[in-house]
């Protein structure tokens, strides 16, 4: 059984959506939220990697043009 966002499910039901479609839509939104939280967890590592690469490129540029 998938997790759902109960507030979204209730909102779909209040808007007049059938129960099965409201449940599937709430499950789909919960899956997207899980994907975004994983991306948010990976961002610090990607920022550090980008910083090291930029520092390395800057070092090569300085060494090349300013001997």
Protein backbone atom coordinates (compact mmCIF):
# COMPACT_ATOMS: atom_id res chain seq x y z
CA UNK A 1 0.00 0.00 0.00
CA UNK A 2 1.43 3.35 -1.01
CA UNK A 3 1.63 6.40 1.15
CA UNK A 4 -0.67 9.30 0.39
CA UNK A 5 -0.89 12.90 1.43
CA UNK A 6 -4.12 13.02 3.37
CA UNK A 7 -4.67 16.76 2.89
CA UNK A 8 -4.44 16.38 -0.89
CA UNK A 9 -6.71 13.34 -0.80
CA UNK A 10 -9.30 15.22 1.23
CA UNK A 11 -9.05 18.23 -1.09
CA UNK A 12 -9.67 16.06 -4.16
CA UNK A 13 -12.67 14.45 -2.48
CA UNK A 14 -14.04 17.88 -1.50
CA UNK A 15 -13.61 19.03 -5.10
CA UNK A 16 -15.82 16.16 -6.24
CA UNK A 17 -13.27 13.70 -7.62
CA UNK A 18 -14.13 10.00 -7.39
CA UNK A 19 -12.50 8.23 -4.45
CA UNK A 20 -10.25 5.94 -6.51
CA UNK A 21 -8.95 8.78 -8.67
CA UNK A 22 -8.40 11.01 -5.62
CA UNK A 23 -6.38 8.23 -3.95
CA UNK A 24 -4.23 7.64 -7.04
CA UNK A 25 -3.56 11.36 -7.46
CA UNK A 26 -2.57 11.73 -3.79
CA UNK A 27 -0.25 8.71 -4.11
CA UNK A 28 1.36 10.21 -7.22
CA UNK A 29 2.01 13.49 -5.42
CA UNK A 30 3.50 11.63 -2.45
CA UNK A 31 5.88 9.81 -4.81
CA UNK A 32 7.03 13.11 -6.31
CA UNK A 33 7.62 14.51 -2.83
CA UNK A 34 9.84 11.53 -2.00
CA UNK A 35 11.84 12.08 -5.20
CA UNK A 36 12.37 15.76 -4.41
CA UNK A 37 13.51 15.00 -0.86
CA UNK A 38 16.14 12.60 -2.27
CA UNK A 39 17.36 15.33 -4.63
CA UNK A 40 17.53 17.78 -1.73
CA UNK A 41 19.64 15.30 0.21
CA UNK A 42 22.10 14.97 -2.69
CA UNK A 43 22.56 18.72 -3.26
CA UNK A 44 25.28 19.37 -0.63
CA UNK A 45 27.50 16.68 -2.13
CA UNK A 46 27.02 18.10 -5.61
CA UNK A 47 27.85 21.60 -4.37
CA UNK A 48 31.12 20.37 -2.82
CA UNK A 49 32.06 18.51 -6.00
CA UNK A 50 31.37 21.59 -8.11
CA UNK A 51 33.47 23.73 -5.77
CA UNK A 52 36.46 21.39 -6.01
CA UNK A 53 36.21 21.29 -9.80
CA UNK A 54 36.01 25.09 -10.02
CA UNK A 55 39.01 25.44 -7.71
CA UNK A 56 40.99 23.00 -9.85
CA UNK A 57 40.11 24.80 -13.08
CA UNK A 58 40.98 28.15 -11.51
CA UNK A 59 44.34 26.73 -10.41
CA UNK A 60 45.10 25.52 -13.94
CA UNK A 61 44.09 28.89 -15.43
CA UNK A 62 46.25 30.82 -12.96
CA UNK A 63 49.22 28.53 -13.52
CA UNK A 64 48.83 28.77 -17.31
CA UNK A 65 48.45 32.53 -17.67
CA UNK A 66 50.46 33.74 -14.67
CA UNK A 67 53.68 31.72 -14.53
